[in-house]
Amino acid sequence: ALALIERGEVLVRAMGFRVFRVRYVERPGGPGARVQIAPDEMPGLASREEELLGALREVGFHYVEIDPSGYRSA
């Protein structure tokens, strides 16, 4: 799980996001990701969301969702 998260975070960083987390979520169909992006960076996601979701699926996540609440440290 840790390697999958690391690959996901490298990908999100490469897309230009600075404050975010890729959280691992166990799903019945396989590993899932919940992506949390800082609220002030969320506007930049709108034009790249499909690209981001597809890229995370390519690295091995079966299920990907964007957390509408954004990044929070807790």
PDB file of N, CA and C in Angstrom:
ATOM      1  N   ALA A   1       0.829  -1.202   0.000  1.00  0.00           N
ATOM      2  CA  ALA A   1       0.000   0.000   0.000  1.00  0.00           C
ATOM      3  C   ALA A   1       0.867   1.258   0.000  1.00  0.00           C
ATOM      4  N   LEU A   2       1.946   1.227   0.774  1.00  0.00           N
ATOM      5  CA  LEU A   2       2.795   2.407   0.868  1.00  0.00           C
ATOM      6  C   LEU A   2       3.424   2.772  -0.478  1.00  0.00           C
ATOM      7  N   ALA A   3       3.900   1.774  -1.213  1.00  0.00           N
ATOM      8  CA  ALA A   3       4.498   2.039  -2.527  1.00  0.00           C
ATOM      9  C   ALA A   3       3.461   2.621  -3.489  1.00  0.00           C
ATOM     10  N   LEU A   4       2.249   2.137  -3.408  1.00  0.00           N
ATOM     11  CA  LEU A   4       1.167   2.634  -4.266  1.00  0.00           C
ATOM     12  C   LEU A   4       0.868   4.096  -3.931  1.00  0.00           C
ATOM     13  N   ILE A   5       0.811   4.409  -2.656  1.00  0.00           N
ATOM     14  CA  ILE A   5       0.569   5.796  -2.230  1.00  0.00           C
ATOM     15  C   ILE A   5       1.709   6.694  -2.713  1.00  0.00           C
ATOM     16  N   GLU A   6       2.945   6.228  -2.544  1.00  0.00           N
ATOM     17  CA  GLU A   6       4.091   7.027  -2.978  1.00  0.00           C
ATOM     18  C   GLU A   6       4.050   7.301  -4.477  1.00  0.00           C
ATOM     19  N   ARG A   7       3.730   6.276  -5.276  1.00  0.00           N
ATOM     20  CA  ARG A   7       3.623   6.490  -6.728  1.00  0.00           C
ATOM     21  C   ARG A   7       2.510   7.489  -7.041  1.00  0.00           C
ATOM     22  N   GLY A   8       1.398   7.375  -6.331  1.00  0.00           N
ATOM     23  CA  GLY A   8       0.292   8.313  -6.539  1.00  0.00           C
ATOM     24  C   GLY A   8       0.676   9.734  -6.187  1.00  0.00           C
ATOM     25  N   GLU A   9       1.396   9.913  -5.078  1.00  0.00           N
ATOM     26  CA  GLU A   9       1.789  11.260  -4.660  1.00  0.00           C
ATOM     27  C   GLU A   9       2.823  11.866  -5.607  1.00  0.00           C
ATOM     28  N   VAL A  10       3.714  11.047  -6.147  1.00  0.00           N
ATOM     29  CA  VAL A  10       4.673  11.543  -7.144  1.00  0.00           C
ATOM     30  C   VAL A  10       3.903  12.065  -8.359  1.00  0.00           C
ATOM     31  N   LEU A  11       2.906  11.333  -8.771  1.00  0.00           N
ATOM     32  CA  LEU A  11       2.098  11.704  -9.929  1.00  0.00           C
ATOM     33  C   LEU A  11       1.354  13.025  -9.684  1.00  0.00           C
ATOM     34  N   VAL A  12       0.702  13.142  -8.519  1.00  0.00           N
ATOM     35  CA  VAL A  12      -0.058  14.362  -8.205  1.00  0.00           C
ATOM     36  C   VAL A  12       0.897  15.562  -8.146  1.00  0.00           C
ATOM     37  N   ARG A  13       2.062  15.384  -7.544  1.00  0.00           N
ATOM     38  CA  ARG A  13       3.060  16.459  -7.467  1.00  0.00           C
ATOM     39  C   ARG A  13       3.520  16.859  -8.871  1.00  0.00           C
ATOM     40  N   ALA A  14       3.731  15.876  -9.731  1.00  0.00           N
ATOM     41  CA  ALA A  14       4.168  16.150 -11.104  1.00  0.00           C
ATOM     42  C   ALA A  14       3.126  16.940 -11.888  1.00  0.00           C
ATOM     43  N   MET A  15       1.875  16.849 -11.465  1.00  0.00           N
ATOM     44  CA  MET A  15       0.812  17.611 -12.131  1.00  0.00           C
ATOM     45  C   MET A  15       0.743  19.049 -11.614  1.00  0.00           C
ATOM     46  N   GLY A  16       1.623  19.385 -10.659  1.00  0.00           N
ATOM     47  CA  GLY A  16       1.716  20.771 -10.212  1.00  0.00           C
ATOM     48  C   GLY A  16       1.072  21.085  -8.876  1.00  0.00           C
ATOM     49  N   PHE A  17       0.485  20.103  -8.230  1.00  0.00           N
ATOM     50  CA  PHE A  17      -0.127  20.372  -6.930  1.00  0.00           C
ATOM     51  C   PHE A  17       0.946  20.315  -5.854  1.00  0.00           C
ATOM     52  N   ARG A  18       0.856  21.196  -4.865  1.00  0.00           N
ATOM     53  CA  ARG A  18       1.885  21.285  -3.838  1.00  0.00           C
ATOM     54  C   ARG A  18       1.431  20.761  -2.479  1.00  0.00           C
ATOM     55  N   VAL A  19       0.191  21.048  -2.103  1.00  0.00           N
ATOM     56  CA  VAL A  19      -0.307  20.640  -0.783  1.00  0.00           C
ATOM     57  C   VAL A  19      -1.461  19.668  -1.003  1.00  0.00           C
ATOM     58  N   PHE A  20      -1.197  18.395  -0.715  1.00  0.00           N
ATOM     59  CA  PHE A  20      -2.185  17.349  -0.994  1.00  0.00           C
ATOM     60  C   PHE A  20      -1.806  16.081  -0.240  1.00  0.00           C
ATOM     61  N   ARG A  21      -2.700  15.115  -0.267  1.00  0.00           N
ATOM     62  CA  ARG A  21      -2.442  13.765   0.227  1.00  0.00           C
ATOM     63  C   ARG A  21      -3.188  12.782  -0.648  1.00  0.00           C
ATOM     64  N   VAL A  22      -2.571  11.629  -0.863  1.00  0.00           N
ATOM     65  CA  VAL A  22      -3.258  10.500  -1.474  1.00  0.00           C
ATOM     66  C   VAL A  22      -3.451   9.508  -0.337  1.00  0.00           C
ATOM     67  N   ARG A  23      -4.681   9.259   0.024  1.00  0.00           N
ATOM     68  CA  ARG A  23      -4.999   8.355   1.124  1.00  0.00           C
ATOM     69  C   ARG A  23      -5.408   6.996   0.550  1.00  0.00           C
ATOM     70  N   TYR A  24      -4.906   5.952   1.176  1.00  0.00           N
ATOM     71  CA  TYR A  24      -5.234   4.589   0.754  1.00  0.00           C
ATOM     72  C   TYR A  24      -6.558   4.182   1.380  1.00  0.00           C
ATOM     73  N   VAL A  25      -7.441   3.613   0.555  1.00  0.00           N
ATOM     74  CA  VAL A  25      -8.743   3.142   1.024  1.00  0.00           C
ATOM     75  C   VAL A  25      -8.931   1.723   0.499  1.00  0.00           C
ATOM     76  N   GLU A  26      -9.148   0.784   1.384  1.00  0.00           N
ATOM     77  CA  GLU A  26      -9.373  -0.602   0.968  1.00  0.00           C
ATOM     78  C   GLU A  26     -10.807  -0.724   0.462  1.00  0.00           C
ATOM     79  N   ARG A  27     -10.952  -1.224  -0.747  1.00  0.00           N
ATOM     80  CA  ARG A  27     -12.268  -1.416  -1.369  1.00  0.00           C
ATOM     81  C   ARG A  27     -12.416  -2.886  -1.747  1.00  0.00           C
ATOM     82  N   PRO A  28     -13.643  -3.389  -1.816  1.00  0.00           N
ATOM     83  CA  PRO A  28     -13.840  -4.792  -2.210  1.00  0.00           C
ATOM     84  C   PRO A  28     -13.236  -5.129  -3.578  1.00  0.00           C
ATOM     85  N   GLY A  29     -13.228  -4.198  -4.498  1.00  0.00           N
ATOM     86  CA  GLY A  29     -12.700  -4.451  -5.834  1.00  0.00           C
ATOM     87  C   GLY A  29     -11.208  -4.230  -5.975  1.00  0.00           C
ATOM     88  N   GLY A  30     -10.545  -3.836  -4.900  1.00  0.00           N
ATOM     89  CA  GLY A  30      -9.107  -3.574  -4.956  1.00  0.00           C
ATOM     90  C   GLY A  30      -8.773  -2.270  -4.269  1.00  0.00           C
ATOM     91  N   PRO A  31      -7.518  -1.856  -4.362  1.00  0.00           N
ATOM     92  CA  PRO A  31      -7.081  -0.657  -3.650  1.00  0.00           C
ATOM     93  C   PRO A  31      -7.738   0.605  -4.189  1.00  0.00           C
ATOM     94  N   GLY A  32      -8.071   1.480  -3.272  1.00  0.00           N
ATOM     95  CA  GLY A  32      -8.681   2.747  -3.641  1.00  0.00           C
ATOM     96  C   GLY A  32      -7.853   3.913  -3.157  1.00  0.00           C
ATOM     97  N   ALA A  33      -8.075   5.065  -3.755  1.00  0.00           N
ATOM     98  CA  ALA A  33      -7.381   6.292  -3.359  1.00  0.00           C
ATOM     99  C   ALA A  33      -8.410   7.384  -3.120  1.00  0.00           C
ATOM    100  N   ARG A  34      -8.197   8.111  -2.038  1.00  0.00           N
ATOM    101  CA  ARG A  34      -8.966   9.334  -1.790  1.00  0.00           C
ATOM    102  C   ARG A  34      -7.940  10.461  -1.866  1.00  0.00           C
ATOM    103  N   VAL A  35      -8.105  11.333  -2.834  1.00  0.00           N
ATOM    104  CA  VAL A  35      -7.157  12.413  -3.054  1.00  0.00           C
ATOM    105  C   VAL A  35      -7.682  13.674  -2.382  1.00  0.00           C
ATOM    106  N   GLN A  36      -6.846  14.234  -1.524  1.00  0.00           N
ATOM    107  CA  GLN A  36      -7.185  15.468  -0.826  1.00  0.00           C
ATOM    108  C   GLN A  36      -6.225  16.545  -1.300  1.00  0.00           C
ATOM    109  N   ILE A  37      -6.760  17.603  -1.883  1.00  0.00           N
ATOM    110  CA  ILE A  37      -5.959  18.707  -2.398  1.00  0.00           C
ATOM    111  C   ILE A  37      -6.318  19.952  -1.604  1.00  0.00           C
ATOM    112  N   ALA A  38      -5.305  20.780  -1.304  1.00  0.00           N
ATOM    113  CA  ALA A  38      -5.534  22.003  -0.530  1.00  0.00           C
ATOM    114  C   ALA A  38      -6.663  22.814  -1.161  1.00  0.00           C
ATOM    115  N   PRO A  39      -7.557  23.350  -0.331  1.00  0.00           N
ATOM    116  CA  PRO A  39      -8.688  24.119  -0.868  1.00  0.00           C
ATOM    117  C   PRO A  39      -8.284  25.222  -1.846  1.00  0.00           C
ATOM    118  N   ASP A  40      -7.167  25.902  -1.594  1.00  0.00           N
ATOM    119  CA  ASP A  40      -6.770  26.978  -2.503  1.00  0.00           C
ATOM    120  C   ASP A  40      -6.218  26.459  -3.828  1.00  0.00           C
ATOM    121  N   GLU A  41      -5.937  25.158  -3.913  1.00  0.00           N
ATOM    122  CA  GLU A  41      -5.463  24.567  -5.173  1.00  0.00           C
ATOM    123  C   GLU A  41      -6.587  23.843  -5.932  1.00  0.00           C
ATOM    124  N   MET A  42      -7.738  23.695  -5.301  1.00  0.00           N
ATOM    125  CA  MET A  42      -8.850  22.977  -5.929  1.00  0.00           C
ATOM    126  C   MET A  42      -9.294  23.583  -7.261  1.00  0.00           C
ATOM    127  N   PRO A  43      -9.292  24.907  -7.436  1.00  0.00           N
ATOM    128  CA  PRO A  43      -9.695  25.443  -8.737  1.00  0.00           C
ATOM    129  C   PRO A  43      -8.837  24.912  -9.887  1.00  0.00           C
ATOM    130  N   GLY A  44      -7.566  24.629  -9.636  1.00  0.00           N
ATOM    131  CA  GLY A  44      -6.692  24.096 -10.672  1.00  0.00           C
ATOM    132  C   GLY A  44      -6.999  22.661 -11.038  1.00  0.00           C
ATOM    133  N   LEU A  45      -7.789  22.004 -10.226  1.00  0.00           N
ATOM    134  CA  LEU A  45      -8.141  20.611 -10.473  1.00  0.00           C
ATOM    135  C   LEU A  45      -9.203  20.468 -11.551  1.00  0.00           C
ATOM    136  N   ALA A  46     -10.077  21.437 -11.662  1.00  0.00           N
ATOM    137  CA  ALA A  46     -11.228  21.330 -12.557  1.00  0.00           C
ATOM    138  C   ALA A  46     -10.855  20.894 -13.970  1.00  0.00           C
ATOM    139  N   SER A  47      -9.816  21.487 -14.547  1.00  0.00           N
ATOM    140  CA  SER A  47      -9.457  21.176 -15.929  1.00  0.00           C
ATOM    141  C   SER A  47      -8.617  19.904 -16.052  1.00  0.00           C
ATOM    142  N   ARG A  48      -8.148  19.353 -14.919  1.00  0.00           N
ATOM    143  CA  ARG A  48      -7.242  18.199 -14.973  1.00  0.00           C
ATOM    144  C   ARG A  48      -7.769  16.983 -14.219  1.00  0.00           C
ATOM    145  N   GLU A  49      -8.987  17.059 -13.731  1.00  0.00           N
ATOM    146  CA  GLU A  49      -9.512  15.985 -12.890  1.00  0.00           C
ATOM    147  C   GLU A  49      -9.532  14.637 -13.596  1.00  0.00           C
ATOM    148  N   GLU A  50     -10.039  14.575 -14.812  1.00  0.00           N
ATOM    149  CA  GLU A  50     -10.111  13.298 -15.528  1.00  0.00           C
ATOM    150  C   GLU A  50      -8.715  12.737 -15.792  1.00  0.00           C
ATOM    151  N   GLU A  51      -7.777  13.613 -16.135  1.00  0.00           N
ATOM    152  CA  GLU A  51      -6.392  13.196 -16.354  1.00  0.00           C
ATOM    153  C   GLU A  51      -5.802  12.614 -15.062  1.00  0.00           C
ATOM    154  N   LEU A  52      -6.051  13.281 -13.942  1.00  0.00           N
ATOM    155  CA  LEU A  52      -5.545  12.825 -12.651  1.00  0.00           C
ATOM    156  C   LEU A  52      -6.151  11.478 -12.261  1.00  0.00           C
ATOM    157  N   LEU A  53      -7.449  11.343 -12.398  1.00  0.00           N
ATOM    158  CA  LEU A  53      -8.121  10.086 -12.051  1.00  0.00           C
ATOM    159  C   LEU A  53      -7.594   8.935 -12.906  1.00  0.00           C
ATOM    160  N   GLY A  54      -7.454   9.165 -14.196  1.00  0.00           N
ATOM    161  CA  GLY A  54      -6.952   8.131 -15.097  1.00  0.00           C
ATOM    162  C   GLY A  54      -5.522   7.732 -14.772  1.00  0.00           C
ATOM    163  N   ALA A  55      -4.685   8.712 -14.467  1.00  0.00           N
ATOM    164  CA  ALA A  55      -3.288   8.428 -14.151  1.00  0.00           C
ATOM    165  C   ALA A  55      -3.176   7.624 -12.862  1.00  0.00           C
ATOM    166  N   LEU A  56      -3.994   7.932 -11.868  1.00  0.00           N
ATOM    167  CA  LEU A  56      -3.958   7.167 -10.620  1.00  0.00           C
ATOM    168  C   LEU A  56      -4.441   5.733 -10.843  1.00  0.00           C
ATOM    169  N   ARG A  57      -5.389   5.555 -11.736  1.00  0.00           N
ATOM    170  CA  ARG A  57      -5.823   4.192 -12.065  1.00  0.00           C
ATOM    171  C   ARG A  57      -4.683   3.433 -12.753  1.00  0.00           C
ATOM    172  N   GLU A  58      -3.929   4.127 -13.597  1.00  0.00           N
ATOM    173  CA  GLU A  58      -2.814   3.484 -14.296  1.00  0.00           C
ATOM    174  C   GLU A  58      -1.720   3.012 -13.346  1.00  0.00           C
ATOM    175  N   VAL A  59      -1.507   3.709 -12.227  1.00  0.00           N
ATOM    176  CA  VAL A  59      -0.466   3.277 -11.287  1.00  0.00           C
ATOM    177  C   VAL A  59      -0.939   2.143 -10.382  1.00  0.00           C
ATOM    178  N   GLY A  60      -2.235   1.799 -10.449  1.00  0.00           N
ATOM    179  CA  GLY A  60      -2.691   0.631  -9.715  1.00  0.00           C
ATOM    180  C   GLY A  60      -3.891   0.789  -8.808  1.00  0.00           C
ATOM    181  N   PHE A  61      -4.429   1.995  -8.696  1.00  0.00           N
ATOM    182  CA  PHE A  61      -5.640   2.162  -7.892  1.00  0.00           C
ATOM    183  C   PHE A  61      -6.846   1.740  -8.714  1.00  0.00           C
ATOM    184  N   HIS A  62      -7.717   0.937  -8.144  1.00  0.00           N
ATOM    185  CA  HIS A  62      -8.928   0.484  -8.837  1.00  0.00           C
ATOM    186  C   HIS A  62     -10.062   1.489  -8.695  1.00  0.00           C
ATOM    187  N   TYR A  63     -10.031   2.243  -7.613  1.00  0.00           N
ATOM    188  CA  TYR A  63     -11.087   3.194  -7.299  1.00  0.00           C
ATOM    189  C   TYR A  63     -10.414   4.500  -6.888  1.00  0.00           C
ATOM    190  N   VAL A  64     -10.831   5.617  -7.465  1.00  0.00           N
ATOM    191  CA  VAL A  64     -10.231   6.913  -7.137  1.00  0.00           C
ATOM    192  C   VAL A  64     -11.346   7.927  -6.937  1.00  0.00           C
ATOM    193  N   GLU A  65     -11.226   8.694  -5.848  1.00  0.00           N
ATOM    194  CA  GLU A  65     -12.185   9.773  -5.621  1.00  0.00           C
ATOM    195  C   GLU A  65     -11.441  11.016  -5.159  1.00  0.00           C
ATOM    196  N   ILE A  66     -11.992  12.154  -5.489  1.00  0.00           N
ATOM    197  CA  ILE A  66     -11.464  13.426  -5.019  1.00  0.00           C
ATOM    198  C   ILE A  66     -12.287  13.806  -3.792  1.00  0.00           C
ATOM    199  N   ASP A  67     -11.630  14.046  -2.681  1.00  0.00           N
ATOM    200  CA  ASP A  67     -12.320  14.452  -1.454  1.00  0.00           C
ATOM    201  C   ASP A  67     -12.773  15.896  -1.624  1.00  0.00           C
ATOM    202  N   PRO A  68     -14.086  16.142  -1.648  1.00  0.00           N
ATOM    203  CA  PRO A  68     -14.575  17.509  -1.862  1.00  0.00           C
ATOM    204  C   PRO A  68     -14.221  18.459  -0.722  1.00  0.00           C
ATOM    205  N   SER A  69     -13.875  17.923   0.449  1.00  0.00           N
ATOM    206  CA  SER A  69     -13.478  18.765   1.575  1.00  0.00           C
ATOM    207  C   SER A  69     -12.044  19.267   1.441  1.00  0.00           C
ATOM    208  N   GLY A  70     -11.280  18.655   0.554  1.00  0.00           N
ATOM    209  CA  GLY A  70      -9.898  19.051   0.355  1.00  0.00           C
ATOM    210  C   GLY A  70      -8.959  18.489   1.399  1.00  0.00           C
ATOM    211  N   TYR A  71      -7.711  18.934   1.344  1.00  0.00           N
ATOM    212  CA  TYR A  71      -6.673  18.450   2.246  1.00  0.00           C
ATOM    213  C   TYR A  71      -6.877  18.965   3.653  1.00  0.00           C
ATOM    214  N   ARG A  72      -6.682  18.081   4.600  1.00  0.00           N
ATOM    215  CA  ARG A  72      -6.656  18.467   6.013  1.00  0.00           C
ATOM    216  C   ARG A  72      -5.626  17.569   6.682  1.00  0.00           C
ATOM    217  N   SER A  73      -4.922  18.092   7.630  1.00  0.00           N
ATOM    218  CA  SER A  73      -3.802  17.338   8.213  1.00  0.00           C
ATOM    219  C   SER A  73      -4.240  16.244   9.179  1.00  0.00           C
ATOM    220  N   ALA A  74      -5.450  16.276   9.655  1.00  0.00           N
ATOM    221  CA  ALA A  74      -5.902  15.256  10.614  1.00  0.00           C
ATOM    222  C   ALA A  74      -6.455  14.032   9.909  1.00  0.00           C
TER     223      ALA A  74
END
